[in-house]
Amino acid sequence: MQPGDVLATYADVDDLTREVGFRPAT
């Protein structure tokens, strides 16, 4: 593991979906 790295990223996008209709499609 490198300094500054993190083990995982995982986005909760519920607010963006609810408020602007964002839905990743790819």
mmCIF file of all heavy atoms, coordinates in Angstrom:
data_MODEL
# 
_entry.id   MODEL 
# 
loop_
_atom_site.group_PDB 
_atom_site.id 
_atom_site.type_symbol 
_atom_site.label_atom_id 
_atom_site.label_alt_id 
_atom_site.label_comp_id 
_atom_site.label_asym_id 
_atom_site.label_entity_id 
_atom_site.label_seq_id 
_atom_site.pdbx_PDB_ins_code 
_atom_site.Cartn_x 
_atom_site.Cartn_y 
_atom_site.Cartn_z 
_atom_site.occupancy 
_atom_site.B_iso_or_equiv 
_atom_site.pdbx_formal_charge 
_atom_site.auth_seq_id 
_atom_site.auth_comp_id 
_atom_site.auth_asym_id 
_atom_site.auth_atom_id 
_atom_site.pdbx_PDB_model_num 
ATOM 1   N N   . MET A 1 1  ? 0.839   -1.196 0.000   1.00 0.00 ? 1  MET A N   1 
ATOM 2   C CA  . MET A 1 1  ? 0.000   0.000  0.000   1.00 0.00 ? 1  MET A CA  1 
ATOM 3   C C   . MET A 1 1  ? 0.878   1.252  0.000   1.00 0.00 ? 1  MET A C   1 
ATOM 4   O O   . MET A 1 1  ? 1.914   1.303  0.678   1.00 0.00 ? 1  MET A O   1 
ATOM 5   C CB  . MET A 1 1  ? -0.881  -0.004 1.251   1.00 0.00 ? 1  MET A CB  1 
ATOM 6   C CG  . MET A 1 1  ? -1.968  1.026  1.257   1.00 0.00 ? 1  MET A CG  1 
ATOM 7   S SD  . MET A 1 1  ? -3.386  0.488  0.312   1.00 0.00 ? 1  MET A SD  1 
ATOM 8   C CE  . MET A 1 1  ? -4.626  1.632  0.937   1.00 0.00 ? 1  MET A CE  1 
ATOM 9   N N   . GLN A 1 2  ? 0.480   2.242  -0.765  1.00 0.00 ? 2  GLN A N   1 
ATOM 10  C CA  . GLN A 1 2  ? 1.238   3.488  -0.855  1.00 0.00 ? 2  GLN A CA  1 
ATOM 11  C C   . GLN A 1 2  ? 0.714   4.530  0.129   1.00 0.00 ? 2  GLN A C   1 
ATOM 12  O O   . GLN A 1 2  ? -0.502  4.585  0.392   1.00 0.00 ? 2  GLN A O   1 
ATOM 13  C CB  . GLN A 1 2  ? 1.136   4.057  -2.272  1.00 0.00 ? 2  GLN A CB  1 
ATOM 14  C CG  . GLN A 1 2  ? 1.829   3.201  -3.312  1.00 0.00 ? 2  GLN A CG  1 
ATOM 15  C CD  . GLN A 1 2  ? 3.330   3.220  -3.129  1.00 0.00 ? 2  GLN A CD  1 
ATOM 16  O OE1 . GLN A 1 2  ? 3.990   4.201  -3.407  1.00 0.00 ? 2  GLN A OE1 1 
ATOM 17  N NE2 . GLN A 1 2  ? 3.888   2.118  -2.641  1.00 0.00 ? 2  GLN A NE2 1 
ATOM 18  N N   . PRO A 1 3  ? 1.594   5.376  0.679   1.00 0.00 ? 3  PRO A N   1 
ATOM 19  C CA  . PRO A 1 3  ? 1.128   6.461  1.546   1.00 0.00 ? 3  PRO A CA  1 
ATOM 20  C C   . PRO A 1 3  ? 0.118   7.336  0.818   1.00 0.00 ? 3  PRO A C   1 
ATOM 21  O O   . PRO A 1 3  ? 0.293   7.660  -0.360  1.00 0.00 ? 3  PRO A O   1 
ATOM 22  C CB  . PRO A 1 3  ? 2.414   7.241  1.855   1.00 0.00 ? 3  PRO A CB  1 
ATOM 23  C CG  . PRO A 1 3  ? 3.522   6.264  1.633   1.00 0.00 ? 3  PRO A CG  1 
ATOM 24  C CD  . PRO A 1 3  ? 3.062   5.368  0.530   1.00 0.00 ? 3  PRO A CD  1 
ATOM 25  N N   . GLY A 1 4  ? -0.938  7.707  1.502   1.00 0.00 ? 4  GLY A N   1 
ATOM 26  C CA  . GLY A 1 4  ? -1.964  8.568  0.917   1.00 0.00 ? 4  GLY A CA  1 
ATOM 27  C C   . GLY A 1 4  ? -3.100  7.823  0.257   1.00 0.00 ? 4  GLY A C   1 
ATOM 28  O O   . GLY A 1 4  ? -4.141  8.408  -0.025  1.00 0.00 ? 4  GLY A O   1 
ATOM 29  N N   . ASP A 1 5  ? -2.905  6.508  -0.016  1.00 0.00 ? 5  ASP A N   1 
ATOM 30  C CA  . ASP A 1 5  ? -3.966  5.712  -0.636  1.00 0.00 ? 5  ASP A CA  1 
ATOM 31  C C   . ASP A 1 5  ? -4.981  5.258  0.412   1.00 0.00 ? 5  ASP A C   1 
ATOM 32  O O   . ASP A 1 5  ? -4.688  5.193  1.602   1.00 0.00 ? 5  ASP A O   1 
ATOM 33  C CB  . ASP A 1 5  ? -3.379  4.478  -1.323  1.00 0.00 ? 5  ASP A CB  1 
ATOM 34  C CG  . ASP A 1 5  ? -2.958  4.762  -2.763  1.00 0.00 ? 5  ASP A CG  1 
ATOM 35  O OD1 . ASP A 1 5  ? -3.234  5.876  -3.241  1.00 0.00 ? 5  ASP A OD1 1 
ATOM 36  O OD2 . ASP A 1 5  ? -2.362  3.879  -3.392  1.00 0.00 ? 5  ASP A OD2 1 
ATOM 37  N N   . VAL A 1 6  ? -6.178  4.907  -0.058  1.00 0.00 ? 6  VAL A N   1 
ATOM 38  C CA  . VAL A 1 6  ? -7.206  4.345  0.812   1.00 0.00 ? 6  VAL A CA  1 
ATOM 39  C C   . VAL A 1 6  ? -7.613  2.986  0.247   1.00 0.00 ? 6  VAL A C   1 
ATOM 40  O O   . VAL A 1 6  ? -7.443  2.711  -0.939  1.00 0.00 ? 6  VAL A O   1 
ATOM 41  C CB  . VAL A 1 6  ? -8.434  5.273  0.924   1.00 0.00 ? 6  VAL A CB  1 
ATOM 42  C CG1 . VAL A 1 6  ? -8.048  6.584  1.590   1.00 0.00 ? 6  VAL A CG1 1 
ATOM 43  C CG2 . VAL A 1 6  ? -9.063  5.533  -0.436  1.00 0.00 ? 6  VAL A CG2 1 
ATOM 44  N N   . LEU A 1 7  ? -8.161  2.136  1.106   1.00 0.00 ? 7  LEU A N   1 
ATOM 45  C CA  . LEU A 1 7  ? -8.494  0.778  0.688   1.00 0.00 ? 7  LEU A CA  1 
ATOM 46  C C   . LEU A 1 7  ? -9.691  0.724  -0.261  1.00 0.00 ? 7  LEU A C   1 
ATOM 47  O O   . LEU A 1 7  ? -9.742  -0.105 -1.158  1.00 0.00 ? 7  LEU A O   1 
ATOM 48  C CB  . LEU A 1 7  ? -8.774  -0.097 1.912   1.00 0.00 ? 7  LEU A CB  1 
ATOM 49  C CG  . LEU A 1 7  ? -7.550  -0.610 2.664   1.00 0.00 ? 7  LEU A CG  1 
ATOM 50  C CD1 . LEU A 1 7  ? -7.970  -1.291 3.953   1.00 0.00 ? 7  LEU A CD1 1 
ATOM 51  C CD2 . LEU A 1 7  ? -6.756  -1.581 1.781   1.00 0.00 ? 7  LEU A CD2 1 
ATOM 52  N N   . ALA A 1 8  ? -10.661 1.601  -0.048  1.00 0.00 ? 8  ALA A N   1 
ATOM 53  C CA  . ALA A 1 8  ? -11.876 1.507  -0.861  1.00 0.00 ? 8  ALA A CA  1 
ATOM 54  C C   . ALA A 1 8  ? -12.554 2.854  -0.981  1.00 0.00 ? 8  ALA A C   1 
ATOM 55  O O   . ALA A 1 8  ? -12.451 3.715  -0.088  1.00 0.00 ? 8  ALA A O   1 
ATOM 56  C CB  . ALA A 1 8  ? -12.845 0.496  -0.243  1.00 0.00 ? 8  ALA A CB  1 
ATOM 57  N N   . THR A 1 9  ? -13.237 3.045  -2.106  1.00 0.00 ? 9  THR A N   1 
ATOM 58  C CA  . THR A 1 9  ? -14.148 4.180  -2.269  1.00 0.00 ? 9  THR A CA  1 
ATOM 59  C C   . THR A 1 9  ? -15.475 3.645  -2.786  1.00 0.00 ? 9  THR A C   1 
ATOM 60  O O   . THR A 1 9  ? -15.514 2.706  -3.587  1.00 0.00 ? 9  THR A O   1 
ATOM 61  C CB  . THR A 1 9  ? -13.601 5.244  -3.242  1.00 0.00 ? 9  THR A CB  1 
ATOM 62  O OG1 . THR A 1 9  ? -13.483 4.674  -4.559  1.00 0.00 ? 9  THR A OG1 1 
ATOM 63  C CG2 . THR A 1 9  ? -12.256 5.765  -2.792  1.00 0.00 ? 9  THR A CG2 1 
ATOM 64  N N   . TYR A 1 10 ? -16.551 4.235  -2.313  1.00 0.00 ? 10 TYR A N   1 
ATOM 65  C CA  . TYR A 1 10 ? -17.894 3.740  -2.647  1.00 0.00 ? 10 TYR A CA  1 
ATOM 66  C C   . TYR A 1 10 ? -18.858 4.893  -2.393  1.00 0.00 ? 10 TYR A C   1 
ATOM 67  O O   . TYR A 1 10 ? -19.045 5.315  -1.253  1.00 0.00 ? 10 TYR A O   1 
ATOM 68  C CB  . TYR A 1 10 ? -18.214 2.524  -1.786  1.00 0.00 ? 10 TYR A CB  1 
ATOM 69  C CG  . TYR A 1 10 ? -19.570 1.874  -1.962  1.00 0.00 ? 10 TYR A CG  1 
ATOM 70  C CD1 . TYR A 1 10 ? -20.459 2.258  -2.964  1.00 0.00 ? 10 TYR A CD1 1 
ATOM 71  C CD2 . TYR A 1 10 ? -19.966 0.843  -1.106  1.00 0.00 ? 10 TYR A CD2 1 
ATOM 72  C CE1 . TYR A 1 10 ? -21.683 1.641  -3.106  1.00 0.00 ? 10 TYR A CE1 1 
ATOM 73  C CE2 . TYR A 1 10 ? -21.194 0.214  -1.244  1.00 0.00 ? 10 TYR A CE2 1 
ATOM 74  C CZ  . TYR A 1 10 ? -22.052 0.622  -2.240  1.00 0.00 ? 10 TYR A CZ  1 
ATOM 75  O OH  . TYR A 1 10 ? -23.269 0.017  -2.373  1.00 0.00 ? 10 TYR A OH  1 
ATOM 76  N N   . ALA A 1 11 ? -19.461 5.407  -3.455  1.00 0.00 ? 11 ALA A N   1 
ATOM 77  C CA  . ALA A 1 11 ? -20.267 6.622  -3.364  1.00 0.00 ? 11 ALA A CA  1 
ATOM 78  C C   . ALA A 1 11 ? -21.734 6.329  -3.091  1.00 0.00 ? 11 ALA A C   1 
ATOM 79  O O   . ALA A 1 11 ? -22.372 5.566  -3.820  1.00 0.00 ? 11 ALA A O   1 
ATOM 80  C CB  . ALA A 1 11 ? -20.149 7.423  -4.662  1.00 0.00 ? 11 ALA A CB  1 
ATOM 81  N N   . ASP A 1 12 ? -22.269 6.945  -2.058  1.00 0.00 ? 12 ASP A N   1 
ATOM 82  C CA  . ASP A 1 12 ? -23.711 7.030  -1.874  1.00 0.00 ? 12 ASP A CA  1 
ATOM 83  C C   . ASP A 1 12 ? -24.178 8.241  -2.683  1.00 0.00 ? 12 ASP A C   1 
ATOM 84  O O   . ASP A 1 12 ? -23.831 9.377  -2.359  1.00 0.00 ? 12 ASP A O   1 
ATOM 85  C CB  . ASP A 1 12 ? -24.024 7.215  -0.387  1.00 0.00 ? 12 ASP A CB  1 
ATOM 86  C CG  . ASP A 1 12 ? -25.514 7.408  -0.096  1.00 0.00 ? 12 ASP A CG  1 
ATOM 87  O OD1 . ASP A 1 12 ? -26.277 7.715  -1.033  1.00 0.00 ? 12 ASP A OD1 1 
ATOM 88  O OD2 . ASP A 1 12 ? -25.899 7.281  1.076   1.00 0.00 ? 12 ASP A OD2 1 
ATOM 89  N N   . VAL A 1 13 ? -24.933 7.999  -3.761  1.00 0.00 ? 13 VAL A N   1 
ATOM 90  C CA  . VAL A 1 13 ? -25.347 9.085  -4.653  1.00 0.00 ? 13 VAL A CA  1 
ATOM 91  C C   . VAL A 1 13 ? -26.843 9.363  -4.547  1.00 0.00 ? 13 VAL A C   1 
ATOM 92  O O   . VAL A 1 13 ? -27.430 9.990  -5.430  1.00 0.00 ? 13 VAL A O   1 
ATOM 93  C CB  . VAL A 1 13 ? -24.959 8.789  -6.122  1.00 0.00 ? 13 VAL A CB  1 
ATOM 94  C CG1 . VAL A 1 13 ? -23.449 8.729  -6.272  1.00 0.00 ? 13 VAL A CG1 1 
ATOM 95  C CG2 . VAL A 1 13 ? -25.609 7.503  -6.628  1.00 0.00 ? 13 VAL A CG2 1 
ATOM 96  N N   . ASP A 1 14 ? -27.477 8.924  -3.460  1.00 0.00 ? 14 ASP A N   1 
ATOM 97  C CA  . ASP A 1 14 ? -28.928 9.069  -3.336  1.00 0.00 ? 14 ASP A CA  1 
ATOM 98  C C   . ASP A 1 14 ? -29.376 10.528 -3.445  1.00 0.00 ? 14 ASP A C   1 
ATOM 99  O O   . ASP A 1 14 ? -30.383 10.829 -4.080  1.00 0.00 ? 14 ASP A O   1 
ATOM 100 C CB  . ASP A 1 14 ? -29.410 8.486  -2.007  1.00 0.00 ? 14 ASP A CB  1 
ATOM 101 C CG  . ASP A 1 14 ? -29.393 6.961  -2.004  1.00 0.00 ? 14 ASP A CG  1 
ATOM 102 O OD1 . ASP A 1 14 ? -29.156 6.377  -3.083  1.00 0.00 ? 14 ASP A OD1 1 
ATOM 103 O OD2 . ASP A 1 14 ? -29.607 6.363  -0.931  1.00 0.00 ? 14 ASP A OD2 1 
ATOM 104 N N   . ASP A 1 15 ? -28.640 11.446 -2.812  1.00 0.00 ? 15 ASP A N   1 
ATOM 105 C CA  . ASP A 1 15 ? -29.033 12.861 -2.861  1.00 0.00 ? 15 ASP A CA  1 
ATOM 106 C C   . ASP A 1 15 ? -29.006 13.390 -4.288  1.00 0.00 ? 15 ASP A C   1 
ATOM 107 O O   . ASP A 1 15 ? -29.934 14.090 -4.725  1.00 0.00 ? 15 ASP A O   1 
ATOM 108 C CB  . ASP A 1 15 ? -28.097 13.708 -1.999  1.00 0.00 ? 15 ASP A CB  1 
ATOM 109 C CG  . ASP A 1 15 ? -28.355 13.539 -0.508  1.00 0.00 ? 15 ASP A CG  1 
ATOM 110 O OD1 . ASP A 1 15 ? -29.171 12.669 -0.153  1.00 0.00 ? 15 ASP A OD1 1 
ATOM 111 O OD2 . ASP A 1 15 ? -27.736 14.260 0.286   1.00 0.00 ? 15 ASP A OD2 1 
ATOM 112 N N   . LEU A 1 16 ? -27.945 13.060 -5.023  1.00 0.00 ? 16 LEU A N   1 
ATOM 113 C CA  . LEU A 1 16 ? -27.816 13.547 -6.394  1.00 0.00 ? 16 LEU A CA  1 
ATOM 114 C C   . LEU A 1 16 ? -28.891 12.929 -7.291  1.00 0.00 ? 16 LEU A C   1 
ATOM 115 O O   . LEU A 1 16 ? -29.442 13.598 -8.171  1.00 0.00 ? 16 LEU A O   1 
ATOM 116 C CB  . LEU A 1 16 ? -26.420 13.227 -6.923  1.00 0.00 ? 16 LEU A CB  1 
ATOM 117 C CG  . LEU A 1 16 ? -25.973 13.956 -8.189  1.00 0.00 ? 16 LEU A CG  1 
ATOM 118 C CD1 . LEU A 1 16 ? -26.011 15.465 -8.013  1.00 0.00 ? 16 LEU A CD1 1 
ATOM 119 C CD2 . LEU A 1 16 ? -24.578 13.511 -8.599  1.00 0.00 ? 16 LEU A CD2 1 
ATOM 120 N N   . THR A 1 17 ? -29.189 11.672 -7.076  1.00 0.00 ? 17 THR A N   1 
ATOM 121 C CA  . THR A 1 17 ? -30.244 11.008 -7.846  1.00 0.00 ? 17 THR A CA  1 
ATOM 122 C C   . THR A 1 17 ? -31.598 11.649 -7.558  1.00 0.00 ? 17 THR A C   1 
ATOM 123 O O   . THR A 1 17 ? -32.370 11.959 -8.477  1.00 0.00 ? 17 THR A O   1 
ATOM 124 C CB  . THR A 1 17 ? -30.291 9.508  -7.497  1.00 0.00 ? 17 THR A CB  1 
ATOM 125 O OG1 . THR A 1 17 ? -29.039 8.911  -7.866  1.00 0.00 ? 17 THR A OG1 1 
ATOM 126 C CG2 . THR A 1 17 ? -31.420 8.805  -8.226  1.00 0.00 ? 17 THR A CG2 1 
ATOM 127 N N   . ARG A 1 18 ? -31.878 11.868 -6.295  1.00 0.00 ? 18 ARG A N   1 
ATOM 128 C CA  . ARG A 1 18 ? -33.174 12.435 -5.913  1.00 0.00 ? 18 ARG A CA  1 
ATOM 129 C C   . ARG A 1 18 ? -33.331 13.880 -6.384  1.00 0.00 ? 18 ARG A C   1 
ATOM 130 O O   . ARG A 1 18 ? -34.395 14.283 -6.856  1.00 0.00 ? 18 ARG A O   1 
ATOM 131 C CB  . ARG A 1 18 ? -33.330 12.368 -4.387  1.00 0.00 ? 18 ARG A CB  1 
ATOM 132 C CG  . ARG A 1 18 ? -34.659 12.900 -3.875  1.00 0.00 ? 18 ARG A CG  1 
ATOM 133 C CD  . ARG A 1 18 ? -34.779 12.759 -2.370  1.00 0.00 ? 18 ARG A CD  1 
ATOM 134 N NE  . ARG A 1 18 ? -33.760 13.524 -1.660  1.00 0.00 ? 18 ARG A NE  1 
ATOM 135 C CZ  . ARG A 1 18 ? -32.711 12.984 -1.057  1.00 0.00 ? 18 ARG A CZ  1 
ATOM 136 N NH1 . ARG A 1 18 ? -32.513 11.674 -1.090  1.00 0.00 ? 18 ARG A NH1 1 
ATOM 137 N NH2 . ARG A 1 18 ? -31.828 13.744 -0.429  1.00 0.00 ? 18 ARG A NH2 1 
ATOM 138 N N   . GLU A 1 19 ? -32.274 14.674 -6.308  1.00 0.00 ? 19 GLU A N   1 
ATOM 139 C CA  . GLU A 1 19 ? -32.416 16.114 -6.529  1.00 0.00 ? 19 GLU A CA  1 
ATOM 140 C C   . GLU A 1 19 ? -32.157 16.550 -7.963  1.00 0.00 ? 19 GLU A C   1 
ATOM 141 O O   . GLU A 1 19 ? -32.691 17.582 -8.386  1.00 0.00 ? 19 GLU A O   1 
ATOM 142 C CB  . GLU A 1 19 ? -31.514 16.864 -5.548  1.00 0.00 ? 19 GLU A CB  1 
ATOM 143 C CG  . GLU A 1 19 ? -31.971 16.653 -4.105  1.00 0.00 ? 19 GLU A CG  1 
ATOM 144 C CD  . GLU A 1 19 ? -31.095 17.343 -3.075  1.00 0.00 ? 19 GLU A CD  1 
ATOM 145 O OE1 . GLU A 1 19 ? -30.380 18.287 -3.445  1.00 0.00 ? 19 GLU A OE1 1 
ATOM 146 O OE2 . GLU A 1 19 ? -31.139 16.925 -1.899  1.00 0.00 ? 19 GLU A OE2 1 
ATOM 147 N N   . VAL A 1 20 ? -31.343 15.804 -8.720  1.00 0.00 ? 20 VAL A N   1 
ATOM 148 C CA  . VAL A 1 20 ? -31.120 16.208 -10.116 1.00 0.00 ? 20 VAL A CA  1 
ATOM 149 C C   . VAL A 1 20 ? -31.335 15.069 -11.110 1.00 0.00 ? 20 VAL A C   1 
ATOM 150 O O   . VAL A 1 20 ? -31.139 15.246 -12.312 1.00 0.00 ? 20 VAL A O   1 
ATOM 151 C CB  . VAL A 1 20 ? -29.709 16.820 -10.333 1.00 0.00 ? 20 VAL A CB  1 
ATOM 152 C CG1 . VAL A 1 20 ? -29.455 17.957 -9.367  1.00 0.00 ? 20 VAL A CG1 1 
ATOM 153 C CG2 . VAL A 1 20 ? -28.620 15.765 -10.222 1.00 0.00 ? 20 VAL A CG2 1 
ATOM 154 N N   . GLY A 1 21 ? -31.721 13.885 -10.610 1.00 0.00 ? 21 GLY A N   1 
ATOM 155 C CA  . GLY A 1 21 ? -31.976 12.765 -11.510 1.00 0.00 ? 21 GLY A CA  1 
ATOM 156 C C   . GLY A 1 21 ? -30.731 12.063 -12.019 1.00 0.00 ? 21 GLY A C   1 
ATOM 157 O O   . GLY A 1 21 ? -30.771 11.382 -13.042 1.00 0.00 ? 21 GLY A O   1 
ATOM 158 N N   . PHE A 1 22 ? -29.611 12.190 -11.291 1.00 0.00 ? 22 PHE A N   1 
ATOM 159 C CA  . PHE A 1 22 ? -28.371 11.545 -11.721 1.00 0.00 ? 22 PHE A CA  1 
ATOM 160 C C   . PHE A 1 22 ? -28.467 10.035 -11.610 1.00 0.00 ? 22 PHE A C   1 
ATOM 161 O O   . PHE A 1 22 ? -28.827 9.506  -10.556 1.00 0.00 ? 22 PHE A O   1 
ATOM 162 C CB  . PHE A 1 22 ? -27.202 12.043 -10.869 1.00 0.00 ? 22 PHE A CB  1 
ATOM 163 C CG  . PHE A 1 22 ? -25.916 11.275 -11.081 1.00 0.00 ? 22 PHE A CG  1 
ATOM 164 C CD1 . PHE A 1 22 ? -25.141 11.508 -12.203 1.00 0.00 ? 22 PHE A CD1 1 
ATOM 165 C CD2 . PHE A 1 22 ? -25.491 10.318 -10.162 1.00 0.00 ? 22 PHE A CD2 1 
ATOM 166 C CE1 . PHE A 1 22 ? -23.951 10.812 -12.396 1.00 0.00 ? 22 PHE A CE1 1 
ATOM 167 C CE2 . PHE A 1 22 ? -24.306 9.620  -10.347 1.00 0.00 ? 22 PHE A CE2 1 
ATOM 168 C CZ  . PHE A 1 22 ? -23.543 9.871  -11.477 1.00 0.00 ? 22 PHE A CZ  1 
ATOM 169 N N   . ARG A 1 23 ? -28.128 9.347  -12.711 1.00 0.00 ? 23 ARG A N   1 
ATOM 170 C CA  . ARG A 1 23 ? -28.069 7.887  -12.704 1.00 0.00 ? 23 ARG A CA  1 
ATOM 171 C C   . ARG A 1 23 ? -26.923 7.434  -13.598 1.00 0.00 ? 23 ARG A C   1 
ATOM 172 O O   . ARG A 1 23 ? -27.007 7.571  -14.821 1.00 0.00 ? 23 ARG A O   1 
ATOM 173 C CB  . ARG A 1 23 ? -29.386 7.283  -13.212 1.00 0.00 ? 23 ARG A CB  1 
ATOM 174 C CG  . ARG A 1 23 ? -30.533 7.373  -12.216 1.00 0.00 ? 23 ARG A CG  1 
ATOM 175 C CD  . ARG A 1 23 ? -31.820 6.775  -12.763 1.00 0.00 ? 23 ARG A CD  1 
ATOM 176 N NE  . ARG A 1 23 ? -32.879 6.840  -11.765 1.00 0.00 ? 23 ARG A NE  1 
ATOM 177 C CZ  . ARG A 1 23 ? -33.621 7.921  -11.525 1.00 0.00 ? 23 ARG A CZ  1 
ATOM 178 N NH1 . ARG A 1 23 ? -33.399 9.026  -12.225 1.00 0.00 ? 23 ARG A NH1 1 
ATOM 179 N NH2 . ARG A 1 23 ? -34.566 7.906  -10.606 1.00 0.00 ? 23 ARG A NH2 1 
ATOM 180 N N   . PRO A 1 24 ? -25.851 6.894  -13.015 1.00 0.00 ? 24 PRO A N   1 
ATOM 181 C CA  . PRO A 1 24 ? -24.762 6.397  -13.858 1.00 0.00 ? 24 PRO A CA  1 
ATOM 182 C C   . PRO A 1 24 ? -25.269 5.285  -14.756 1.00 0.00 ? 24 PRO A C   1 
ATOM 183 O O   . PRO A 1 24 ? -26.008 4.395  -14.318 1.00 0.00 ? 24 PRO A O   1 
ATOM 184 C CB  . PRO A 1 24 ? -23.729 5.890  -12.850 1.00 0.00 ? 24 PRO A CB  1 
ATOM 185 C CG  . PRO A 1 24 ? -24.487 5.685  -11.572 1.00 0.00 ? 24 PRO A CG  1 
ATOM 186 C CD  . PRO A 1 24 ? -25.604 6.675  -11.580 1.00 0.00 ? 24 PRO A CD  1 
ATOM 187 N N   . ALA A 1 25 ? -24.889 5.342  -16.042 1.00 0.00 ? 25 ALA A N   1 
ATOM 188 C CA  . ALA A 1 25 ? -25.499 4.445  -17.029 1.00 0.00 ? 25 ALA A CA  1 
ATOM 189 C C   . ALA A 1 25 ? -24.493 3.594  -17.788 1.00 0.00 ? 25 ALA A C   1 
ATOM 190 O O   . ALA A 1 25 ? -24.892 2.814  -18.649 1.00 0.00 ? 25 ALA A O   1 
ATOM 191 C CB  . ALA A 1 25 ? -26.323 5.272  -18.022 1.00 0.00 ? 25 ALA A CB  1 
ATOM 192 N N   . THR A 1 26 ? -23.193 3.729  -17.475 1.00 0.00 ? 26 THR A N   1 
ATOM 193 C CA  . THR A 1 26 ? -22.170 3.064  -18.288 1.00 0.00 ? 26 THR A CA  1 
ATOM 194 C C   . THR A 1 26 ? -21.509 1.932  -17.510 1.00 0.00 ? 26 THR A C   1 
ATOM 195 O O   . THR A 1 26 ? -20.771 2.181  -16.555 1.00 0.00 ? 26 THR A O   1 
ATOM 196 C CB  . THR A 1 26 ? -21.097 4.076  -18.731 1.00 0.00 ? 26 THR A CB  1 
ATOM 197 O OG1 . THR A 1 26 ? -21.734 5.217  -19.311 1.00 0.00 ? 26 THR A OG1 1 
ATOM 198 C CG2 . THR A 1 26 ? -20.154 3.441  -19.744 1.00 0.00 ? 26 THR A CG2 1 
# 
